[in-house]
Every structure is written in structure tokens, then in C-alpha cells.
C-alpha atoms as a PDB file:
ATOM      1  CA  MET A   1       0.039  -0.034  -0.033  1.00  0.00           C
ATOM      2  CA  ARG A   2       1.573   3.261  -1.199  1.00  0.00           C
ATOM      3  CA  THR A   3      -0.177   5.564   1.137  1.00  0.00           C
ATOM      4  CA  ALA A   4       0.581   8.254   3.652  1.00  0.00           C
ATOM      5  CA  GLU A   5      -1.179  10.437   6.394  1.00  0.00           C
ATOM      6  CA  ILE A   6       0.445  13.610   7.405  1.00  0.00           C
ATOM      7  CA  SER A   7      -0.535  16.007  10.172  1.00  0.00           C
ATOM      8  CA  ARG A   8       1.058  19.570  10.420  1.00  0.00           C
ATOM      9  CA  VAL A   9       0.016  21.752  13.241  1.00  0.00           C
ATOM     10  CA  THR A  10       1.681  25.224  13.556  1.00  0.00           C
ATOM     11  CA  ALA A  11       0.614  28.563  15.028  1.00  0.00           C
ATOM     12  CA  GLU A  12      -0.421  29.403  11.380  1.00  0.00           C
ATOM     13  CA  THR A  13      -1.990  26.242  10.046  1.00  0.00           C
ATOM     14  CA  ASN A  14      -3.523  22.968  11.128  1.00  0.00           C
ATOM     15  CA  ILE A  15      -3.438  20.420   8.342  1.00  0.00           C
ATOM     16  CA  GLN A  16      -4.553  16.779   7.978  1.00  0.00           C
ATOM     17  CA  LEU A  17      -3.668  15.195   4.823  1.00  0.00           C
ATOM     18  CA  SER A  18      -4.073  11.589   3.411  1.00  0.00           C
ATOM     19  CA  LEU A  19      -2.770  10.291   0.034  1.00  0.00           C
ATOM     20  CA  ASP A  20      -3.056   7.036  -1.872  1.00  0.00           C
ATOM     21  CA  LEU A  21      -0.729   6.973  -4.929  1.00  0.00           C
ATOM     22  CA  ASP A  22      -2.670   4.076  -6.429  1.00  0.00           C
ATOM     23  CA  GLY A  23      -6.203   5.574  -6.030  1.00  0.00           C
ATOM     24  CA  ALA A  24      -8.846   6.480  -8.611  1.00  0.00           C
ATOM     25  CA  GLY A  25      -8.418  10.269  -8.588  1.00  0.00           C
ATOM     26  CA  ARG A  26     -10.888  10.866  -5.639  1.00  0.00           C
ATOM     27  CA  ALA A  27     -10.474  14.258  -4.035  1.00  0.00           C
ATOM     28  CA  ASP A  28     -11.934  15.531  -0.827  1.00  0.00           C
ATOM     29  CA  ILE A  29     -10.409  19.010  -0.323  1.00  0.00           C
ATOM     30  CA  ASP A  30     -11.107  21.843   2.115  1.00  0.00           C
ATOM     31  CA  THR A  31      -8.205  24.221   2.553  1.00  0.00           C
ATOM     32  CA  GLY A  32     -10.166  27.394   3.192  1.00  0.00           C
ATOM     33  CA  CYS A  33      -8.743  28.748  -0.238  1.00  0.00           C
ATOM     34  CA  GLY A  34     -11.218  28.061  -2.960  1.00  0.00           C
ATOM     35  CA  PHE A  35      -8.775  28.379  -5.897  1.00  0.00           C
ATOM     36  CA  LEU A  36      -6.331  26.006  -4.128  1.00  0.00           C
ATOM     37  CA  ASP A  37      -9.269  23.568  -3.647  1.00  0.00           C
ATOM     38  CA  HIS A  38     -10.015  23.659  -7.188  1.00  0.00           C
ATOM     39  CA  MET A  39      -6.266  23.149  -8.170  1.00  0.00           C
ATOM     40  CA  LEU A  40      -5.757  20.190  -5.894  1.00  0.00           C
ATOM     41  CA  THR A  41      -8.966  18.577  -7.081  1.00  0.00           C
ATOM     42  CA  LEU A  42      -7.654  18.683 -10.671  1.00  0.00           C
ATOM     43  CA  PHE A  43      -4.153  17.449  -9.597  1.00  0.00           C
ATOM     44  CA  ALA A  44      -5.576  14.437  -7.873  1.00  0.00           C
ATOM     45  CA  HIS A  45      -7.928  13.646 -10.643  1.00  0.00           C
ATOM     46  CA  HIS A  46      -5.411  13.799 -13.425  1.00  0.00           C
ATOM     47  CA  GLY A  47      -2.792  12.125 -11.227  1.00  0.00           C
ATOM     48  CA  ARG A  48      -5.350   9.301 -10.252  1.00  0.00           C
ATOM     49  CA  PHE A  49      -4.287   9.987  -6.675  1.00  0.00           C
ATOM     50  CA  ASP A  50      -6.787   9.722  -3.824  1.00  0.00           C
ATOM     51  CA  LEU A  51      -6.199  12.847  -1.789  1.00  0.00           C
ATOM     52  CA  THR A  52      -7.984  14.224   1.219  1.00  0.00           C
ATOM     53  CA  VAL A  53      -6.792  17.575   2.644  1.00  0.00           C
ATOM     54  CA  ARG A  54      -8.367  19.558   5.681  1.00  0.00           C
ATOM     55  CA  CYS A  55      -6.728  22.828   6.560  1.00  0.00           C
ATOM     56  CA  GLN A  56      -7.550  25.546   9.127  1.00  0.00           C
ATOM     57  CA  GLY A  57      -5.233  28.374   8.337  1.00  0.00           C
ATOM     58  CA  ASP A  58      -4.812  32.003   9.134  1.00  0.00           C
ATOM     59  CA  THR A  59      -6.520  33.182   5.970  1.00  0.00           C
ATOM     60  CA  GLN A  60      -7.675  36.293   7.737  1.00  0.00           C
ATOM     61  CA  VAL A  61      -4.005  37.361   7.077  1.00  0.00           C
ATOM     62  CA  ASP A  62      -3.762  35.996   3.552  1.00  0.00           C
ATOM     63  CA  ASP A  63      -3.563  32.516   1.889  1.00  0.00           C
ATOM     64  CA  HIS A  64       0.387  32.348   1.934  1.00  0.00           C
ATOM     65  CA  HIS A  65       0.810  30.093   5.026  1.00  0.00           C
ATOM     66  CA  THR A  66      -2.057  27.710   3.909  1.00  0.00           C
ATOM     67  CA  VAL A  67      -0.663  27.355   0.328  1.00  0.00           C
ATOM     68  CA  GLU A  68       2.895  26.875   1.385  1.00  0.00           C
ATOM     69  CA  ASP A  69       2.071  24.392   4.323  1.00  0.00           C
ATOM     70  CA  ILE A  70      -0.085  22.283   2.200  1.00  0.00           C
ATOM     71  CA  GLY A  71       2.861  22.032  -0.414  1.00  0.00           C
ATOM     72  CA  ILE A  72       4.979  20.916   2.341  1.00  0.00           C
ATOM     73  CA  THR A  73       2.569  18.222   3.681  1.00  0.00           C
ATOM     74  CA  LEU A  74       1.984  17.040   0.151  1.00  0.00           C
ATOM     75  CA  GLY A  75       5.554  16.767  -0.565  1.00  0.00           C
ATOM     76  CA  GLN A  76       6.018  14.842   2.839  1.00  0.00           C
ATOM     77  CA  ALA A  77       3.201  12.483   1.910  1.00  0.00           C
ATOM     78  CA  PHE A  78       4.773  11.649  -1.518  1.00  0.00           C
ATOM     79  CA  ALA A  79       7.992  11.007   0.064  1.00  0.00           C
ATOM     80  CA  LYS A  80       6.528   8.635   2.744  1.00  0.00           C
ATOM     81  CA  ALA A  81       4.227   6.871   0.361  1.00  0.00           C
ATOM     82  CA  LEU A  82       7.062   6.146  -2.063  1.00  0.00           C
ATOM     83  CA  GLY A  83       9.480   4.869   0.542  1.00  0.00           C
ATOM     84  CA  ASP A  84      12.764   3.881  -1.038  1.00  0.00           C
ATOM     85  CA  LYS A  85      11.293   4.201  -4.456  1.00  0.00           C
ATOM     86  CA  ARG A  86      12.000   0.721  -5.437  1.00  0.00           C
ATOM     87  CA  GLY A  87      10.342  -0.234  -8.801  1.00  0.00           C
ATOM     88  CA  ILE A  88       9.072   3.219  -9.799  1.00  0.00           C
ATOM     89  CA  THR A  89       9.530   4.750 -13.202  1.00  0.00           C
ATOM     90  CA  ARG A  90      11.116   7.899 -11.552  1.00  0.00           C
ATOM     91  CA  TYR A  91      10.690  10.260 -14.474  1.00  0.00           C
ATOM     92  CA  GLY A  92       7.441  11.846 -15.863  1.00  0.00           C
ATOM     93  CA  SER A  93       6.524  14.725 -18.063  1.00  0.00           C
ATOM     94  CA  MET A  94       3.487  16.189 -19.607  1.00  0.00           C
ATOM     95  CA  LEU A  95       2.861  18.902 -22.178  1.00  0.00           C
ATOM     96  CA  LEU A  96      -0.634  20.172 -21.394  1.00  0.00           C
ATOM     97  CA  PRO A  97      -2.944  22.527 -23.190  1.00  0.00           C
ATOM     98  CA  MET A  98      -5.585  24.537 -21.327  1.00  0.00           C
ATOM     99  CA  ASP A  99      -7.470  26.513 -23.984  1.00  0.00           C
ATOM    100  CA  GLU A 100      -4.772  29.261 -24.950  1.00  0.00           C
ATOM    101  CA  ALA A 101      -2.253  28.122 -22.243  1.00  0.00           C
ATOM    102  CA  LEU A 102       0.332  25.506 -22.856  1.00  0.00           C
ATOM    103  CA  VAL A 103       2.577  24.322 -19.951  1.00  0.00           C
ATOM    104  CA  LEU A 104       5.220  21.566 -19.769  1.00  0.00           C
ATOM    105  CA  CYS A 105       5.886  19.886 -16.466  1.00  0.00           C
ATOM    106  CA  ALA A 106       8.638  17.430 -16.127  1.00  0.00           C
ATOM    107  CA  VAL A 107       9.524  15.589 -12.704  1.00  0.00           C
ATOM    108  CA  ASP A 108      12.321  13.542 -11.456  1.00  0.00           C
ATOM    109  CA  LEU A 109      11.934  11.707  -8.124  1.00  0.00           C
ATOM    110  CA  SER A 110      15.635  12.095  -7.776  1.00  0.00           C
ATOM    111  CA  GLY A 111      16.065  12.564  -3.962  1.00  0.00           C
ATOM    112  CA  ARG A 112      17.394  16.075  -4.726  1.00  0.00           C
ATOM    113  CA  CYS A 113      15.157  19.158  -4.421  1.00  0.00           C
ATOM    114  CA  MET A 114      15.046  21.611  -7.423  1.00  0.00           C
ATOM    115  CA  LEU A 115      12.440  23.831  -8.903  1.00  0.00           C
ATOM    116  CA  ARG A 116      12.576  25.669 -12.068  1.00  0.00           C
ATOM    117  CA  TYR A 117       9.532  27.762 -12.360  1.00  0.00           C
ATOM    118  CA  GLY A 118       8.775  29.290 -15.770  1.00  0.00           C
ATOM    119  CA  LEU A 119       5.293  30.525 -15.476  1.00  0.00           C
ATOM    120  CA  THR A 120       4.571  34.192 -16.318  1.00  0.00           C
ATOM    121  CA  LEU A 121       1.164  35.030 -14.928  1.00  0.00           C
ATOM    122  CA  PRO A 122      -0.221  38.232 -16.326  1.00  0.00           C
ATOM    123  CA  THR A 123      -2.471  39.238 -13.177  1.00  0.00           C
ATOM    124  CA  PRO A 124      -1.518  39.310  -9.543  1.00  0.00           C
ATOM    125  CA  LYS A 125      -4.706  37.601  -8.473  1.00  0.00           C
ATOM    126  CA  VAL A 126      -7.143  35.032  -9.561  1.00  0.00           C
ATOM    127  CA  GLY A 127     -10.330  35.842  -7.636  1.00  0.00           C
ATOM    128  CA  THR A 128      -8.730  36.364  -4.272  1.00  0.00           C
ATOM    129  CA  PHE A 129      -5.847  34.017  -4.849  1.00  0.00           C
ATOM    130  CA  ASP A 130      -2.363  35.600  -5.099  1.00  0.00           C
ATOM    131  CA  THR A 131      -0.881  34.135  -8.257  1.00  0.00           C
ATOM    132  CA  GLU A 132       2.624  34.346  -6.785  1.00  0.00           C
ATOM    133  CA  LEU A 133       1.576  31.637  -4.261  1.00  0.00           C
ATOM    134  CA  GLY A 134       1.706  29.113  -7.122  1.00  0.00           C
ATOM    135  CA  LYS A 135       5.474  29.203  -6.995  1.00  0.00           C
ATOM    136  CA  GLU A 136       5.461  28.850  -3.171  1.00  0.00           C
ATOM    137  CA  PHE A 137       3.370  25.725  -3.446  1.00  0.00           C
ATOM    138  CA  PHE A 138       5.566  24.035  -6.064  1.00  0.00           C
ATOM    139  CA  TRP A 139       8.835  24.959  -4.333  1.00  0.00           C
ATOM    140  CA  ALA A 140       7.463  23.618  -0.906  1.00  0.00           C
ATOM    141  CA  PHE A 141       6.399  20.338  -2.596  1.00  0.00           C
ATOM    142  CA  ALA A 142       9.845  19.892  -4.433  1.00  0.00           C
ATOM    143  CA  ARG A 143      11.824  20.554  -1.175  1.00  0.00           C
ATOM    144  CA  GLU A 144       9.808  18.068   0.976  1.00  0.00           C
ATOM    145  CA  ALA A 145       9.414  15.492  -1.738  1.00  0.00           C
ATOM    146  CA  ALA A 146      13.104  15.694  -2.586  1.00  0.00           C
ATOM    147  CA  ALA A 147      12.019  15.986  -6.295  1.00  0.00           C
ATOM    148  CA  THR A 148      13.246  17.956  -9.267  1.00  0.00           C
ATOM    149  CA  VAL A 149      10.215  19.739 -10.869  1.00  0.00           C
ATOM    150  CA  HIS A 150      10.451  21.878 -14.059  1.00  0.00           C
ATOM    151  CA  LEU A 151       7.440  23.932 -15.195  1.00  0.00           C
ATOM    152  CA  ARG A 152       7.622  25.843 -18.456  1.00  0.00           C
ATOM    153  CA  GLN A 153       4.895  28.088 -19.837  1.00  0.00           C
ATOM    154  CA  LEU A 154       5.037  27.857 -23.681  1.00  0.00           C
ATOM    155  CA  ASP A 155       1.891  29.911 -24.186  1.00  0.00           C
ATOM    156  CA  GLY A 156      -0.978  31.439 -22.199  1.00  0.00           C
ATOM    157  CA  GLU A 157      -2.699  34.774 -21.468  1.00  0.00           C
ATOM    158  CA  ASN A 158      -5.075  33.925 -18.774  1.00  0.00           C
ATOM    159  CA  SER A 159      -3.707  33.353 -15.299  1.00  0.00           C
ATOM    160  CA  HIS A 160      -6.375  31.005 -14.273  1.00  0.00           C
ATOM    161  CA  HIS A 161      -5.814  28.836 -17.431  1.00  0.00           C
ATOM    162  CA  ILE A 162      -1.950  29.009 -16.939  1.00  0.00           C
ATOM    163  CA  LEU A 163      -2.090  27.740 -13.340  1.00  0.00           C
ATOM    164  CA  GLU A 164      -4.640  25.130 -14.116  1.00  0.00           C
ATOM    165  CA  ALA A 165      -2.496  23.695 -16.874  1.00  0.00           C
ATOM    166  CA  ALA A 166       0.392  23.708 -14.607  1.00  0.00           C
ATOM    167  CA  PHE A 167      -1.593  21.730 -11.844  1.00  0.00           C
ATOM    168  CA  LYS A 168      -3.031  19.215 -14.323  1.00  0.00           C
ATOM    169  CA  ALA A 169       0.402  18.732 -16.004  1.00  0.00           C
ATOM    170  CA  PHE A 170       1.976  18.256 -12.544  1.00  0.00           C
ATOM    171  CA  GLY A 171      -0.574  15.509 -11.706  1.00  0.00           C
ATOM    172  CA  ARG A 172      -0.002  13.770 -14.971  1.00  0.00           C
ATOM    173  CA  ALA A 173       3.778  13.897 -14.829  1.00  0.00           C
ATOM    174  CA  LEU A 174       3.798  12.640 -11.204  1.00  0.00           C
ATOM    175  CA  ARG A 175       1.377   9.916 -12.154  1.00  0.00           C
ATOM    176  CA  GLN A 176       4.030   8.692 -14.679  1.00  0.00           C
ATOM    177  CA  ALA A 177       6.853   9.078 -12.152  1.00  0.00           C
ATOM    178  CA  VAL A 178       5.307   7.138  -9.355  1.00  0.00           C
ATOM    179  CA  SER A 179       4.063   4.398 -11.681  1.00  0.00           C
ATOM    180  CA  MET A 180       5.568   0.952 -11.182  1.00  0.00           C
ATOM    181  CA  ASP A 181       7.973   0.136 -14.114  1.00  0.00           C
ATOM    182  CA  PRO A 182       7.401  -3.642 -14.849  1.00  0.00           C
ATOM    183  CA  ALA A 183      10.935  -3.763 -16.529  1.00  0.00           C
ATOM    184  CA  ALA A 184      12.591  -2.616 -13.286  1.00  0.00           C
ATOM    185  CA  GLN A 185      11.901  -5.888 -11.251  1.00  0.00           C
ATOM    186  CA  ASN A 186      11.618  -3.960  -8.066  1.00  0.00           C
ATOM    187  CA  GLU A 187      15.035  -2.179  -8.510  1.00  0.00           C
ATOM    188  CA  ILE A 188      15.989   1.279  -7.211  1.00  0.00           C
ATOM    189  CA  PRO A 189      15.863   3.385 -10.484  1.00  0.00           C
ATOM    190  CA  SER A 190      19.551   4.689 -10.196  1.00  0.00           C
ATOM    191  CA  THR A 191      22.976   3.406 -10.866  1.00  0.00           C
ATOM    192  CA  LYS A 192      23.861   4.715  -7.503  1.00  0.00           C
ATOM    193  CA  GLY A 193      21.555   1.973  -5.819  1.00  0.00           C
ATOM    194  CA  SER A 194      19.621   4.709  -3.827  1.00  0.00           C
ATOM    195  CA  LEU A 195      17.504   7.836  -4.309  1.00  0.00           C
END
């Protein structure tokens, strides 16, 4: 069972998160941030991950702590559910269109943290969501999951579409990366012998 449950309680957020990498794409998300709920639901559906997130955060300040801390807990959940990563494909990528937006996401579950974030969002907000928080989410995930994540925007004019394409592409790329490789025969996918 490639599952994880993570609890994170700080003075800024109280988060309970559960993840099943081999799910059916079921999402039950309540973060207190409507746009993030929407993005995580898309992420889970396109990744075929079962994901439950409950967060009580200091959204009276803004959504920053909620978004970053959920990125942290989701990254921790992936790391825990993957264990030593034996038998996984390791790499995944997706070039995903969303109307006029076109976003490439490539991931490597390398054991090393790196984010290359190439999204140019034309507006500072989508509804009440600060668009700069997209980068905070992906950076927190990459750091805690010890993953390399590249996001590149090839086209796009609408901030909602660009972020939606990014989260969908991220889900699909991770779906490939965590999938079991039948040719790997339960090996660690590295010549070093560990990730």
C-alpha cells in the first residue's frame, strides 16, 4: 500500500492530509482557499491519486501560510508513500494545453530538491488568490518530496488557465513518475543504488 497520512500543526495552520498513490483520482479538499481547492482537485484527478486535505489556516492574514504548508505536507506525503522508491518509473513529463495556455511539466523523483518555475502570470490575482503563491506551493512540494520539478509556460494569456494547466500537468507527470515499471523488477531506479 503506497499511502501516507500527514498531520502538520503550527501557529499558522492545522493540516490533516491523506494520500493514496494508487487511487482512482478521488479528491476531498477543504483548505479554506477556494482556488487551491480547485487546483488540488484537478491535480488528484489527473494524477489518479486519492487525496484528502483539511486545513484551518490564518487566511484572515492571507493565503500564503495555507498554500505553502499544504505544499509541504503534500511533498512529505509523497516521500512517505514512495518509501525507497523501489520499482518506480522515476521520471514523468506532460505537455498540457488548457485553452490558449500550454504548460510543460517534467519531474524526477531524484532525492534532490530543485524547482525551475517558468510561469509568467499576467495578473496578480485569480479571484482572491495571489498568483505568486503558485511558485510557493511547487517549491514547498519539491523541497519536501526531494524532487526535481520543471514547469515551463509555452503559451498563455489567462492566469487561471496557466495555473490550471500547470496543476494538471503536474498531476499527470507525477502519475508517470510514481508508476511501477514492470521492467525494473523492483530495482532502485538509479545506478547509485539509492535515491
